[in-house]
Amino acid sequence: MKQDQPEQESFLGLRLLAICLLALSLIVLYYAFQIRQGAGYSVVGTLFFPLVVVIGLVVFSLLLLLRTTPLFPDHELGQRAAAEAATTHWATVGLIGLALLLYAFTLNLLGYVIATALFFPGVARILDSRQPLRDFIIGLVLSVVIYISFTRFLGVRLPAGLLAGIL
């Protein structure tokens, strides 16, 4: 970069990220209060960990938002954000975001195993993979292993969807 040319700064994306994280923290807070309480007494209730996550999200979102305001600008952060934005292939980011939304909407309907087995090769293709069969097999194996690990060994319920009678 030339000496007489000032370095570019970009805070818009960072501000949007901070605002989205604040909105996400409100969503997490809402759903945290939807969790049913257990019948017994516990020092650490079911609300404890979601509240820790919400507090962390709010604090770090506000700190990020503060660092992108004219009051407390972080010039190095703004320069890095501008450099990253200039080299980012936004079509790929958008397609992966759309794939993630589609995955989220089909997760309960299809179930974790099928939705993940389809999501994995889809994202691999967006990232320019040329071996769809291999990607599908890897996605299927990973989704089955993760499903069994979480539901059988950790007691975490994942949606079975269309495979409810089989799994």
N, C-alpha and C. Protein backbone atom coordinates (compact mmCIF):
# COMPACT_ATOMS: atom_id res chain seq x y z
N MET A 1 0.85 -1.17 0.00
CA MET A 1 0.00 0.00 0.00
C MET A 1 0.90 1.23 0.00
N LYS A 2 0.50 2.28 -0.72
CA LYS A 2 1.28 3.50 -0.80
C LYS A 2 1.24 4.23 0.54
N GLN A 3 2.32 4.98 0.79
CA GLN A 3 2.42 5.70 2.05
C GLN A 3 1.41 6.85 2.15
N ASP A 4 1.14 7.55 1.02
CA ASP A 4 0.25 8.69 1.07
C ASP A 4 -1.23 8.31 1.04
N GLN A 5 -1.53 7.06 0.80
CA GLN A 5 -2.91 6.60 0.76
C GLN A 5 -3.32 6.09 2.15
N PRO A 6 -4.39 6.65 2.74
CA PRO A 6 -4.81 6.17 4.06
C PRO A 6 -5.38 4.77 3.98
N GLU A 7 -5.18 4.00 5.03
CA GLU A 7 -5.71 2.64 5.07
C GLU A 7 -7.22 2.68 5.23
N GLN A 8 -7.90 1.78 4.53
CA GLN A 8 -9.36 1.72 4.58
C GLN A 8 -9.81 1.09 5.89
N GLU A 9 -10.93 1.59 6.41
CA GLU A 9 -11.56 1.01 7.60
C GLU A 9 -13.01 0.68 7.25
N SER A 10 -13.51 -0.36 7.85
CA SER A 10 -14.90 -0.74 7.62
C SER A 10 -15.51 -1.20 8.94
N PHE A 11 -16.52 -0.46 9.40
CA PHE A 11 -17.18 -0.80 10.65
C PHE A 11 -18.62 -1.27 10.46
N LEU A 12 -19.17 -1.09 9.26
CA LEU A 12 -20.57 -1.43 9.03
C LEU A 12 -20.85 -2.91 9.30
N GLY A 13 -20.05 -3.80 8.72
CA GLY A 13 -20.25 -5.23 8.93
C GLY A 13 -20.10 -5.63 10.39
N LEU A 14 -19.14 -5.01 11.07
CA LEU A 14 -18.94 -5.32 12.49
C LEU A 14 -20.11 -4.84 13.33
N ARG A 15 -20.65 -3.66 13.00
CA ARG A 15 -21.82 -3.16 13.72
C ARG A 15 -23.02 -4.07 13.50
N LEU A 16 -23.21 -4.49 12.24
CA LEU A 16 -24.32 -5.41 11.95
C LEU A 16 -24.16 -6.73 12.70
N LEU A 17 -22.93 -7.23 12.76
CA LEU A 17 -22.66 -8.46 13.50
C LEU A 17 -23.00 -8.28 14.98
N ALA A 18 -22.59 -7.17 15.56
CA ALA A 18 -22.87 -6.91 16.98
C ALA A 18 -24.37 -6.83 17.23
N ILE A 19 -25.10 -6.17 16.33
CA ILE A 19 -26.55 -6.06 16.48
C ILE A 19 -27.22 -7.42 16.33
N CYS A 20 -26.76 -8.22 15.38
CA CYS A 20 -27.30 -9.58 15.20
C CYS A 20 -27.03 -10.45 16.42
N LEU A 21 -25.84 -10.32 17.00
CA LEU A 21 -25.53 -11.08 18.21
C LEU A 21 -26.40 -10.65 19.38
N LEU A 22 -26.69 -9.36 19.47
CA LEU A 22 -27.60 -8.89 20.52
C LEU A 22 -29.00 -9.47 20.30
N ALA A 23 -29.46 -9.48 19.06
CA ALA A 23 -30.77 -10.07 18.76
C ALA A 23 -30.77 -11.57 19.08
N LEU A 24 -29.68 -12.25 18.74
CA LEU A 24 -29.57 -13.67 19.06
C LEU A 24 -29.64 -13.90 20.57
N SER A 25 -29.03 -13.02 21.33
CA SER A 25 -29.07 -13.18 22.79
C SER A 25 -30.50 -13.04 23.31
N LEU A 26 -31.30 -12.18 22.70
CA LEU A 26 -32.70 -12.05 23.10
C LEU A 26 -33.49 -13.32 22.75
N ILE A 27 -33.18 -13.92 21.61
CA ILE A 27 -33.84 -15.17 21.22
C ILE A 27 -33.46 -16.28 22.20
N VAL A 28 -32.18 -16.38 22.52
CA VAL A 28 -31.73 -17.40 23.48
C VAL A 28 -32.38 -17.18 24.83
N LEU A 29 -32.48 -15.92 25.25
CA LEU A 29 -33.11 -15.60 26.53
C LEU A 29 -34.58 -16.03 26.53
N TYR A 30 -35.29 -15.74 25.44
CA TYR A 30 -36.70 -16.14 25.34
C TYR A 30 -36.84 -17.66 25.46
N TYR A 31 -36.04 -18.38 24.68
CA TYR A 31 -36.15 -19.84 24.70
C TYR A 31 -35.62 -20.45 26.00
N ALA A 32 -34.73 -19.77 26.67
CA ALA A 32 -34.25 -20.26 27.96
C ALA A 32 -35.38 -20.30 28.97
N PHE A 33 -36.25 -19.31 28.92
CA PHE A 33 -37.37 -19.29 29.85
C PHE A 33 -38.50 -20.24 29.43
N GLN A 34 -38.39 -20.84 28.26
CA GLN A 34 -39.37 -21.83 27.82
C GLN A 34 -39.00 -23.24 28.30
N ILE A 35 -37.80 -23.41 28.83
CA ILE A 35 -37.35 -24.72 29.31
C ILE A 35 -38.12 -25.08 30.57
N ARG A 36 -38.68 -26.29 30.58
CA ARG A 36 -39.42 -26.74 31.75
C ARG A 36 -38.47 -27.05 32.89
N GLN A 37 -38.87 -26.67 34.09
CA GLN A 37 -38.08 -26.94 35.28
C GLN A 37 -38.33 -28.37 35.75
N GLY A 38 -37.28 -29.01 36.30
CA GLY A 38 -37.42 -30.36 36.82
C GLY A 38 -38.21 -30.37 38.12
N ALA A 39 -38.65 -31.54 38.51
CA ALA A 39 -39.47 -31.68 39.71
C ALA A 39 -38.65 -31.55 40.98
N GLY A 40 -37.39 -31.96 40.96
CA GLY A 40 -36.57 -31.94 42.16
C GLY A 40 -35.85 -30.62 42.35
N TYR A 41 -35.12 -30.53 43.46
CA TYR A 41 -34.34 -29.33 43.76
C TYR A 41 -32.92 -29.52 43.23
N SER A 42 -32.40 -28.47 42.63
CA SER A 42 -31.04 -28.52 42.12
C SER A 42 -30.40 -27.16 42.35
N VAL A 43 -29.14 -27.17 42.79
CA VAL A 43 -28.42 -25.92 43.01
C VAL A 43 -28.27 -25.19 41.67
N VAL A 44 -27.92 -25.92 40.64
CA VAL A 44 -27.80 -25.36 39.30
C VAL A 44 -29.00 -25.85 38.50
N GLY A 45 -29.98 -24.97 38.28
CA GLY A 45 -31.19 -25.35 37.57
C GLY A 45 -30.99 -25.37 36.07
N THR A 46 -32.07 -25.65 35.37
CA THR A 46 -32.00 -25.75 33.92
C THR A 46 -31.80 -24.39 33.25
N LEU A 47 -32.03 -23.32 33.99
CA LEU A 47 -31.90 -21.98 33.43
C LEU A 47 -30.47 -21.44 33.54
N PHE A 48 -29.65 -22.07 34.34
CA PHE A 48 -28.32 -21.54 34.64
C PHE A 48 -27.44 -21.39 33.40
N PHE A 49 -27.22 -22.45 32.65
CA PHE A 49 -26.31 -22.39 31.51
C PHE A 49 -26.83 -21.50 30.37
N PRO A 50 -28.12 -21.56 30.03
CA PRO A 50 -28.59 -20.60 29.03
C PRO A 50 -28.40 -19.15 29.45
N LEU A 51 -28.57 -18.87 30.74
CA LEU A 51 -28.35 -17.49 31.21
C LEU A 51 -26.88 -17.10 31.14
N VAL A 52 -25.99 -18.04 31.42
CA VAL A 52 -24.56 -17.75 31.28
C VAL A 52 -24.23 -17.42 29.82
N VAL A 53 -24.81 -18.18 28.90
CA VAL A 53 -24.59 -17.92 27.47
C VAL A 53 -25.15 -16.56 27.08
N VAL A 54 -26.35 -16.24 27.55
CA VAL A 54 -26.98 -14.96 27.23
C VAL A 54 -26.14 -13.80 27.77
N ILE A 55 -25.69 -13.91 29.00
CA ILE A 55 -24.88 -12.84 29.58
C ILE A 55 -23.59 -12.65 28.78
N GLY A 56 -22.95 -13.76 28.42
CA GLY A 56 -21.74 -13.67 27.60
C GLY A 56 -22.01 -13.04 26.25
N LEU A 57 -23.10 -13.45 25.59
CA LEU A 57 -23.46 -12.87 24.30
C LEU A 57 -23.71 -11.37 24.40
N VAL A 58 -24.44 -10.96 25.42
CA VAL A 58 -24.75 -9.54 25.59
C VAL A 58 -23.48 -8.74 25.85
N VAL A 59 -22.64 -9.22 26.76
CA VAL A 59 -21.42 -8.49 27.11
C VAL A 59 -20.51 -8.35 25.90
N PHE A 60 -20.24 -9.46 25.21
CA PHE A 60 -19.31 -9.39 24.07
C PHE A 60 -19.92 -8.65 22.88
N SER A 61 -21.23 -8.73 22.70
CA SER A 61 -21.88 -7.98 21.63
C SER A 61 -21.78 -6.48 21.89
N LEU A 62 -22.02 -6.09 23.13
CA LEU A 62 -21.92 -4.67 23.48
C LEU A 62 -20.49 -4.16 23.36
N LEU A 63 -19.53 -4.99 23.76
CA LEU A 63 -18.13 -4.59 23.61
C LEU A 63 -17.76 -4.42 22.14
N LEU A 64 -18.21 -5.33 21.29
CA LEU A 64 -17.95 -5.21 19.87
C LEU A 64 -18.62 -3.98 19.30
N LEU A 65 -19.85 -3.75 19.69
CA LEU A 65 -20.57 -2.57 19.21
C LEU A 65 -19.87 -1.29 19.65
N LEU A 66 -19.38 -1.28 20.87
CA LEU A 66 -18.66 -0.12 21.39
C LEU A 66 -17.38 0.14 20.61
N ARG A 67 -16.67 -0.93 20.24
CA ARG A 67 -15.41 -0.79 19.50
C ARG A 67 -15.61 -0.31 18.07
N THR A 68 -16.85 -0.29 17.59
CA THR A 68 -17.12 0.14 16.23
C THR A 68 -17.82 1.49 16.16
N THR A 69 -17.97 2.15 17.29
CA THR A 69 -18.61 3.46 17.31
C THR A 69 -17.55 4.55 17.20
N PRO A 70 -17.96 5.73 16.75
CA PRO A 70 -17.00 6.84 16.69
C PRO A 70 -16.44 7.25 18.06
N LEU A 71 -17.15 6.89 19.11
CA LEU A 71 -16.70 7.21 20.46
C LEU A 71 -15.43 6.45 20.85
N PHE A 72 -15.39 5.16 20.57
CA PHE A 72 -14.25 4.29 20.89
C PHE A 72 -13.84 3.45 19.69
N PRO A 73 -13.44 4.05 18.60
CA PRO A 73 -13.15 3.23 17.41
C PRO A 73 -11.87 2.42 17.57
N ASP A 74 -11.93 1.18 17.14
CA ASP A 74 -10.75 0.33 17.11
C ASP A 74 -10.27 0.32 15.66
N HIS A 75 -9.30 1.19 15.37
CA HIS A 75 -8.87 1.38 13.99
C HIS A 75 -8.24 0.12 13.39
N GLU A 76 -7.49 -0.62 14.19
CA GLU A 76 -6.89 -1.85 13.68
C GLU A 76 -7.97 -2.86 13.30
N LEU A 77 -9.01 -2.97 14.13
CA LEU A 77 -10.12 -3.87 13.83
C LEU A 77 -10.83 -3.44 12.54
N GLY A 78 -11.03 -2.15 12.37
CA GLY A 78 -11.68 -1.64 11.17
C GLY A 78 -10.85 -1.90 9.92
N GLN A 79 -9.54 -1.78 10.03
CA GLN A 79 -8.66 -2.05 8.89
C GLN A 79 -8.67 -3.54 8.54
N ARG A 80 -8.65 -4.38 9.56
CA ARG A 80 -8.70 -5.83 9.30
C ARG A 80 -10.02 -6.23 8.66
N ALA A 81 -11.11 -5.64 9.15
CA ALA A 81 -12.43 -5.94 8.59
C ALA A 81 -12.51 -5.52 7.13
N ALA A 82 -11.94 -4.37 6.80
CA ALA A 82 -11.95 -3.90 5.41
C ALA A 82 -11.12 -4.83 4.53
N ALA A 83 -9.98 -5.27 5.03
CA ALA A 83 -9.13 -6.18 4.25
C ALA A 83 -9.83 -7.52 4.03
N GLU A 84 -10.47 -8.04 5.06
CA GLU A 84 -11.20 -9.31 4.93
C GLU A 84 -12.38 -9.18 3.98
N ALA A 85 -13.10 -8.06 4.07
CA ALA A 85 -14.27 -7.86 3.20
C ALA A 85 -13.84 -7.78 1.74
N ALA A 86 -12.67 -7.23 1.50
CA ALA A 86 -12.20 -7.09 0.12
C ALA A 86 -11.84 -8.44 -0.49
N THR A 87 -11.45 -9.41 0.32
CA THR A 87 -11.03 -10.71 -0.21
C THR A 87 -12.08 -11.81 -0.04
N THR A 88 -13.22 -11.48 0.54
CA THR A 88 -14.26 -12.47 0.80
C THR A 88 -15.11 -12.69 -0.44
N HIS A 89 -15.39 -13.94 -0.75
CA HIS A 89 -16.29 -14.28 -1.85
C HIS A 89 -17.70 -14.37 -1.27
N TRP A 90 -18.44 -13.26 -1.39
CA TRP A 90 -19.72 -13.13 -0.71
C TRP A 90 -20.79 -14.07 -1.23
N ALA A 91 -20.69 -14.49 -2.48
CA ALA A 91 -21.67 -15.45 -3.02
C ALA A 91 -21.59 -16.77 -2.25
N THR A 92 -20.38 -17.21 -1.94
CA THR A 92 -20.21 -18.44 -1.17
C THR A 92 -20.79 -18.30 0.23
N VAL A 93 -20.52 -17.19 0.86
CA VAL A 93 -21.06 -16.94 2.20
C VAL A 93 -22.58 -16.94 2.17
N GLY A 94 -23.17 -16.29 1.17
CA GLY A 94 -24.62 -16.24 1.05
C GLY A 94 -25.23 -17.61 0.80
N LEU A 95 -24.61 -18.39 -0.07
CA LEU A 95 -25.13 -19.73 -0.37
C LEU A 95 -25.05 -20.65 0.86
N ILE A 96 -23.97 -20.55 1.60
CA ILE A 96 -23.86 -21.36 2.81
C ILE A 96 -24.88 -20.91 3.85
N GLY A 97 -25.12 -19.61 3.94
CA GLY A 97 -26.16 -19.10 4.83
C GLY A 97 -27.53 -19.63 4.44
N LEU A 98 -27.83 -19.64 3.14
CA LEU A 98 -29.11 -20.19 2.67
C LEU A 98 -29.20 -21.69 2.96
N ALA A 99 -28.11 -22.41 2.76
CA ALA A 99 -28.10 -23.84 3.05
C ALA A 99 -28.34 -24.09 4.54
N LEU A 100 -27.77 -23.25 5.37
CA LEU A 100 -27.97 -23.38 6.82
C LEU A 100 -29.42 -23.11 7.21
N LEU A 101 -30.03 -22.11 6.59
CA LEU A 101 -31.45 -21.84 6.84
C LEU A 101 -32.33 -23.01 6.39
N LEU A 102 -32.05 -23.54 5.22
CA LEU A 102 -32.80 -24.69 4.72
C LEU A 102 -32.63 -25.88 5.66
N TYR A 103 -31.42 -26.08 6.13
CA TYR A 103 -31.13 -27.16 7.09
C TYR A 103 -31.95 -26.98 8.37
N ALA A 104 -31.98 -25.75 8.87
CA ALA A 104 -32.72 -25.48 10.11
C ALA A 104 -34.21 -25.73 9.93
N PHE A 105 -34.76 -25.36 8.76
CA PHE A 105 -36.18 -25.55 8.52
C PHE A 105 -36.55 -27.00 8.27
N THR A 106 -35.63 -27.80 7.76
CA THR A 106 -35.95 -29.20 7.46
C THR A 106 -35.53 -30.16 8.58
N LEU A 107 -34.86 -29.66 9.59
CA LEU A 107 -34.32 -30.52 10.64
C LEU A 107 -35.40 -31.33 11.36
N ASN A 108 -36.48 -30.69 11.77
CA ASN A 108 -37.55 -31.43 12.47
C ASN A 108 -38.34 -32.32 11.53
N LEU A 109 -38.57 -31.86 10.32
CA LEU A 109 -39.36 -32.64 9.37
C LEU A 109 -38.62 -33.90 8.92
N LEU A 110 -37.40 -33.74 8.46
CA LEU A 110 -36.64 -34.89 7.95
C LEU A 110 -35.94 -35.66 9.06
N GLY A 111 -35.59 -34.98 10.12
CA GLY A 111 -34.82 -35.58 11.21
C GLY A 111 -33.35 -35.23 11.07
N TYR A 112 -32.63 -35.38 12.17
CA TYR A 112 -31.22 -35.00 12.20
C TYR A 112 -30.38 -35.76 11.19
N VAL A 113 -30.56 -37.06 11.12
CA VAL A 113 -29.71 -37.90 10.27
C VAL A 113 -29.89 -37.53 8.79
N ILE A 114 -31.12 -37.47 8.32
CA ILE A 114 -31.35 -37.19 6.90
C ILE A 114 -30.97 -35.75 6.57
N ALA A 115 -31.39 -34.80 7.39
CA ALA A 115 -31.09 -33.39 7.12
C ALA A 115 -29.58 -33.14 7.09
N THR A 116 -28.86 -33.74 8.03
CA THR A 116 -27.41 -33.55 8.08
C THR A 116 -26.72 -34.27 6.93
N ALA A 117 -27.21 -35.46 6.61
CA ALA A 117 -26.62 -36.21 5.49
C ALA A 117 -26.80 -35.48 4.17
N LEU A 118 -27.84 -34.66 4.03
CA LEU A 118 -28.04 -33.87 2.83
C LEU A 118 -27.31 -32.52 2.90
N PHE A 119 -27.24 -31.96 4.11
CA PHE A 119 -26.59 -30.67 4.31
C PHE A 119 -25.08 -30.75 4.03
N PHE A 120 -24.45 -31.79 4.50
CA PHE A 120 -23.00 -31.93 4.37
C PHE A 120 -22.54 -31.91 2.90
N PRO A 121 -23.08 -32.75 2.03
CA PRO A 121 -22.62 -32.68 0.63
C PRO A 121 -23.05 -31.40 -0.08
N GLY A 122 -24.18 -30.82 0.36
CA GLY A 122 -24.61 -29.57 -0.24
C GLY A 122 -23.61 -28.45 0.02
N VAL A 123 -23.17 -28.34 1.25
CA VAL A 123 -22.18 -27.31 1.59
C VAL A 123 -20.83 -27.65 0.96
N ALA A 124 -20.48 -28.92 0.93
CA ALA A 124 -19.23 -29.32 0.27
C ALA A 124 -19.24 -28.91 -1.20
N ARG A 125 -20.39 -29.04 -1.85
CA ARG A 125 -20.51 -28.64 -3.27
C ARG A 125 -20.38 -27.13 -3.41
N ILE A 126 -20.99 -26.38 -2.50
CA ILE A 126 -20.86 -24.93 -2.52
C ILE A 126 -19.39 -24.53 -2.38
N LEU A 127 -18.65 -25.31 -1.59
CA LEU A 127 -17.22 -25.04 -1.38
C LEU A 127 -16.37 -25.67 -2.47
N ASP A 128 -17.01 -26.12 -3.55
CA ASP A 128 -16.36 -26.58 -4.77
C ASP A 128 -15.86 -28.02 -4.73
N SER A 129 -16.46 -28.86 -3.92
CA SER A 129 -16.12 -30.28 -3.94
C SER A 129 -16.67 -30.90 -5.22
N ARG A 130 -15.93 -31.82 -5.78
CA ARG A 130 -16.34 -32.47 -7.04
C ARG A 130 -16.65 -33.96 -6.84
N GLN A 131 -16.82 -34.39 -5.58
CA GLN A 131 -17.08 -35.80 -5.31
C GLN A 131 -18.34 -35.94 -4.45
N PRO A 132 -19.52 -35.81 -5.07
CA PRO A 132 -20.76 -35.82 -4.29
C PRO A 132 -21.04 -37.13 -3.57
N LEU A 133 -20.70 -38.26 -4.18
CA LEU A 133 -20.96 -39.55 -3.52
C LEU A 133 -20.12 -39.68 -2.25
N ARG A 134 -18.85 -39.34 -2.34
CA ARG A 134 -17.98 -39.38 -1.16
C ARG A 134 -18.50 -38.43 -0.07
N ASP A 135 -18.90 -37.23 -0.48
CA ASP A 135 -19.41 -36.25 0.49
C ASP A 135 -20.68 -36.74 1.16
N PHE A 136 -21.57 -37.37 0.38
CA PHE A 136 -22.80 -37.89 0.96
C PHE A 136 -22.51 -39.01 1.95
N ILE A 137 -21.61 -39.91 1.59
CA ILE A 137 -21.26 -41.03 2.50
C ILE A 137 -20.66 -40.49 3.80
N ILE A 138 -19.76 -39.54 3.68
CA ILE A 138 -19.15 -38.95 4.89
C ILE A 138 -20.22 -38.27 5.73
N GLY A 139 -21.11 -37.50 5.08
CA GLY A 139 -22.20 -36.84 5.81
C GLY A 139 -23.12 -37.82 6.50
N LEU A 140 -23.44 -38.91 5.81
CA LEU A 140 -24.32 -39.93 6.38
C LEU A 140 -23.66 -40.61 7.58
N VAL A 141 -22.42 -41.03 7.42
CA VAL A 141 -21.72 -41.70 8.52
C VAL A 141 -21.58 -40.76 9.72
N LEU A 142 -21.17 -39.53 9.48
CA LEU A 142 -21.03 -38.57 10.59
C LEU A 142 -22.36 -38.32 11.28
N SER A 143 -23.43 -38.15 10.50
CA SER A 143 -24.72 -37.85 11.12
C SER A 143 -25.23 -39.02 11.94
N VAL A 144 -25.03 -40.25 11.48
CA VAL A 144 -25.47 -41.42 12.25
C VAL A 144 -24.65 -41.56 13.53
N VAL A 145 -23.34 -41.40 13.42
CA VAL A 145 -22.47 -41.52 14.61
C VAL A 145 -22.82 -40.44 15.62
N ILE A 146 -23.00 -39.22 15.17
CA ILE A 146 -23.34 -38.13 16.09
C ILE A 146 -24.72 -38.35 16.70
N TYR A 147 -25.68 -38.79 15.88
CA TYR A 147 -27.03 -39.03 16.40
C TYR A 147 -27.01 -40.09 17.50
N ILE A 148 -26.36 -41.20 17.23
CA ILE A 148 -26.30 -42.28 18.22
C ILE A 148 -25.54 -41.83 19.46
N SER A 149 -24.43 -41.14 19.27
CA SER A 149 -23.64 -40.67 20.42
C SER A 149 -24.44 -39.74 21.31
N PHE A 150 -25.13 -38.80 20.71
CA PHE A 150 -25.88 -37.83 21.51
C PHE A 150 -27.12 -38.44 22.14
N THR A 151 -27.88 -39.23 21.39
CA THR A 151 -29.13 -39.75 21.94
C THR A 151 -28.92 -40.91 22.91
N ARG A 152 -28.00 -41.81 22.58
CA ARG A 152 -27.81 -43.00 23.43
C ARG A 152 -26.87 -42.76 24.61
N PHE A 153 -25.77 -42.07 24.36
CA PHE A 153 -24.74 -41.95 25.40
C PHE A 153 -24.84 -40.66 26.21
N LEU A 154 -25.29 -39.58 25.59
CA LEU A 154 -25.35 -38.31 26.30
C LEU A 154 -26.77 -37.94 26.74
N GLY A 155 -27.76 -38.65 26.21
CA GLY A 155 -29.13 -38.37 26.60
C GLY A 155 -29.69 -37.09 26.01
N VAL A 156 -29.10 -36.60 24.94
CA VAL A 156 -29.59 -35.40 24.26
C VAL A 156 -30.53 -35.83 23.14
N ARG A 157 -31.74 -35.30 23.16
CA ARG A 157 -32.71 -35.66 22.14
C ARG A 157 -32.45 -34.88 20.86
N LEU A 158 -32.28 -35.59 19.77
CA LEU A 158 -32.19 -35.00 18.45
C LEU A 158 -33.39 -35.48 17.65
N PRO A 159 -33.92 -34.65 16.75
CA PRO A 159 -35.12 -35.08 16.01
C PRO A 159 -34.87 -36.28 15.12
N ALA A 160 -35.73 -37.29 15.25
CA ALA A 160 -35.59 -38.49 14.42
C ALA A 160 -36.26 -38.30 13.07
N GLY A 161 -37.31 -37.50 13.00
CA GLY A 161 -37.97 -37.20 11.74
C GLY A 161 -38.52 -38.42 11.05
N LEU A 162 -38.21 -38.59 9.77
CA LEU A 162 -38.73 -39.70 8.97
C LEU A 162 -38.22 -41.06 9.44
N LEU A 163 -37.13 -41.08 10.17
CA LEU A 163 -36.54 -42.35 10.64
C LEU A 163 -36.95 -42.67 12.07
N ALA A 164 -38.08 -42.10 12.54
CA ALA A 164 -38.49 -42.28 13.92
C ALA A 164 -38.68 -43.74 14.30
N GLY A 165 -39.21 -44.55 13.44
CA GLY A 165 -39.42 -45.96 13.76
C GLY A 165 -38.16 -46.79 13.69
N ILE A 166 -37.16 -46.31 12.96
CA ILE A 166 -35.92 -47.07 12.76
C ILE A 166 -34.88 -46.74 13.84
N LEU A 167 -34.77 -45.47 14.14
CA LEU A 167 -33.76 -45.06 15.13
C LEU A 167 -34.35 -45.20 16.49
